[in-house]
């Protein structure tokens, strides 16, 4: 499975961005898909995740609840992360990732897209 992110960029505090992640495979029905982010010197943090088959089982990190929305378009094989009310601390490289349900580790990763939030 190849994952390709897009949509990162520079935005001012309080602004919005939508990240996209296109998956090369159409055999994602048993997958959990997620967005992670990482800043230099910090561990990679899971921001949100979703069950690909149902669009449910949604998880958000406390730091983004109420501001970020994860979704997926089954027909387009694409996952999204709508980010609103962005803060400087949201600045990071954002990665999409996938794992098979029942497997603990995310084994498929995109190359990452940089989001920079400034005042």
Protein backbone atom coordinates (compact mmCIF):
# COMPACT_ATOMS: atom_id res chain seq x y z
CA UNK A 1 0.00 0.00 0.00
CA UNK A 2 1.39 3.36 -0.99
CA UNK A 3 0.13 6.49 0.72
CA UNK A 4 0.61 9.99 -0.65
CA UNK A 5 -0.24 13.08 1.40
CA UNK A 6 -0.93 16.55 0.13
CA UNK A 7 -2.40 19.79 1.34
CA UNK A 8 0.21 21.02 3.77
CA UNK A 9 1.44 24.57 3.76
CA UNK A 10 1.74 27.77 5.73
CA UNK A 11 -1.27 29.29 7.44
CA UNK A 12 -1.88 31.92 10.06
CA UNK A 13 -3.09 31.19 13.55
CA UNK A 14 -6.82 30.54 13.51
CA UNK A 15 -6.79 29.45 9.90
CA UNK A 16 -7.74 26.16 8.28
CA UNK A 17 -6.16 23.54 6.07
CA UNK A 18 -7.31 20.23 4.66
CA UNK A 19 -4.85 17.41 4.26
CA UNK A 20 -5.48 14.56 1.84
CA UNK A 21 -4.04 11.06 1.73
CA UNK A 22 -4.53 8.95 -1.37
CA UNK A 23 -4.03 5.21 -1.04
CA UNK A 24 -2.78 3.14 -3.96
CA UNK A 25 -4.57 -0.01 -2.89
CA UNK A 26 -8.28 -0.69 -2.96
CA UNK A 27 -7.96 -3.52 -0.46
CA UNK A 28 -8.26 -1.29 2.59
CA UNK A 29 -11.46 -2.71 3.96
CA UNK A 30 -9.73 -4.25 6.96
CA UNK A 31 -7.54 -1.24 7.66
CA UNK A 32 -7.39 1.40 10.33
CA UNK A 33 -6.13 4.63 8.80
CA UNK A 34 -4.63 7.46 10.79
CA UNK A 35 -2.97 10.83 10.78
CA UNK A 36 0.17 11.31 12.82
CA UNK A 37 2.33 14.37 13.31
CA UNK A 38 5.89 14.93 14.39
CA UNK A 39 8.03 17.89 15.34
CA UNK A 40 11.83 17.84 15.67
CA UNK A 41 12.95 16.11 18.82
CA UNK A 42 9.48 14.83 19.61
CA UNK A 43 7.89 11.43 19.24
CA UNK A 44 5.39 10.91 16.49
CA UNK A 45 1.90 11.59 17.84
CA UNK A 46 -1.32 10.01 16.59
CA UNK A 47 -3.68 12.86 15.84
CA UNK A 48 -6.72 10.97 14.57
CA UNK A 49 -7.71 7.59 13.21
CA UNK A 50 -10.66 6.00 11.44
CA UNK A 51 -11.91 2.62 10.36
CA UNK A 52 -11.65 2.54 6.58
CA UNK A 53 -14.50 0.09 6.05
CA UNK A 54 -17.11 1.77 8.26
CA UNK A 55 -15.87 5.33 8.56
CA UNK A 56 -16.40 4.88 12.28
CA UNK A 57 -14.26 4.03 15.29
CA UNK A 58 -12.94 7.57 15.15
CA UNK A 59 -10.25 8.66 17.53
CA UNK A 60 -8.90 12.16 18.18
CA UNK A 61 -6.03 13.23 20.36
CA UNK A 62 -7.18 15.56 23.14
CA UNK A 63 -5.06 18.33 21.67
CA UNK A 64 -7.14 18.45 18.46
CA UNK A 65 -10.65 17.51 19.60
CA UNK A 66 -13.22 19.98 18.37
CA UNK A 67 -10.80 21.47 15.85
CA UNK A 68 -9.81 18.61 13.53
CA UNK A 69 -12.08 16.26 11.60
CA UNK A 70 -10.97 13.00 10.02
CA UNK A 71 -12.96 11.49 7.18
CA UNK A 72 -12.56 9.23 4.20
CA UNK A 73 -14.03 9.00 0.73
CA UNK A 74 -14.36 5.32 -0.01
CA UNK A 75 -14.90 5.82 -3.73
CA UNK A 76 -11.85 8.06 -4.11
CA UNK A 77 -9.65 5.92 -1.87
CA UNK A 78 -8.77 9.11 -0.03
CA UNK A 79 -8.61 10.10 3.61
CA UNK A 80 -8.83 13.68 4.80
CA UNK A 81 -7.92 15.72 7.84
CA UNK A 82 -9.79 18.98 8.06
CA UNK A 83 -7.92 21.24 10.43
CA UNK A 84 -9.52 24.40 11.80
CA UNK A 85 -8.67 26.98 14.46
CA UNK A 86 -5.03 26.14 13.91
CA UNK A 87 -2.52 27.01 16.58
CA UNK A 88 1.23 27.47 16.48
CA UNK A 89 1.62 24.17 18.33
CA UNK A 90 -0.04 22.37 15.41
CA UNK A 91 3.08 23.07 13.36
CA UNK A 92 4.52 19.70 12.39
CA UNK A 93 5.07 17.23 9.60
CA UNK A 94 1.83 15.31 9.18
CA UNK A 95 1.87 11.70 8.04
CA UNK A 96 -0.90 9.38 7.01
CA UNK A 97 -0.55 5.77 8.02
CA UNK A 98 -2.38 2.49 7.83
CA UNK A 99 -2.48 -0.80 9.65
CA UNK A 100 -4.49 -3.94 9.39
CA UNK A 101 -7.09 -4.29 12.12
CA UNK A 102 -5.73 -6.46 14.88
CA UNK A 103 -2.13 -5.47 14.16
CA UNK A 104 -0.74 -3.01 16.68
CA UNK A 105 1.85 -1.29 14.54
CA UNK A 106 1.14 1.00 11.64
CA UNK A 107 3.07 -0.54 8.78
CA UNK A 108 2.25 1.76 5.90
CA UNK A 109 3.33 5.40 5.91
CA UNK A 110 3.21 8.34 3.59
CA UNK A 111 6.14 10.68 3.03
CA UNK A 112 4.68 13.46 5.15
CA UNK A 113 3.48 16.96 4.48
CA UNK A 114 4.59 20.04 6.42
CA UNK A 115 2.07 22.28 8.15
CA UNK A 116 3.37 25.59 9.48
CA UNK A 117 1.13 27.79 11.62
CA UNK A 118 2.35 31.27 12.43
CA UNK A 119 0.93 34.41 13.93
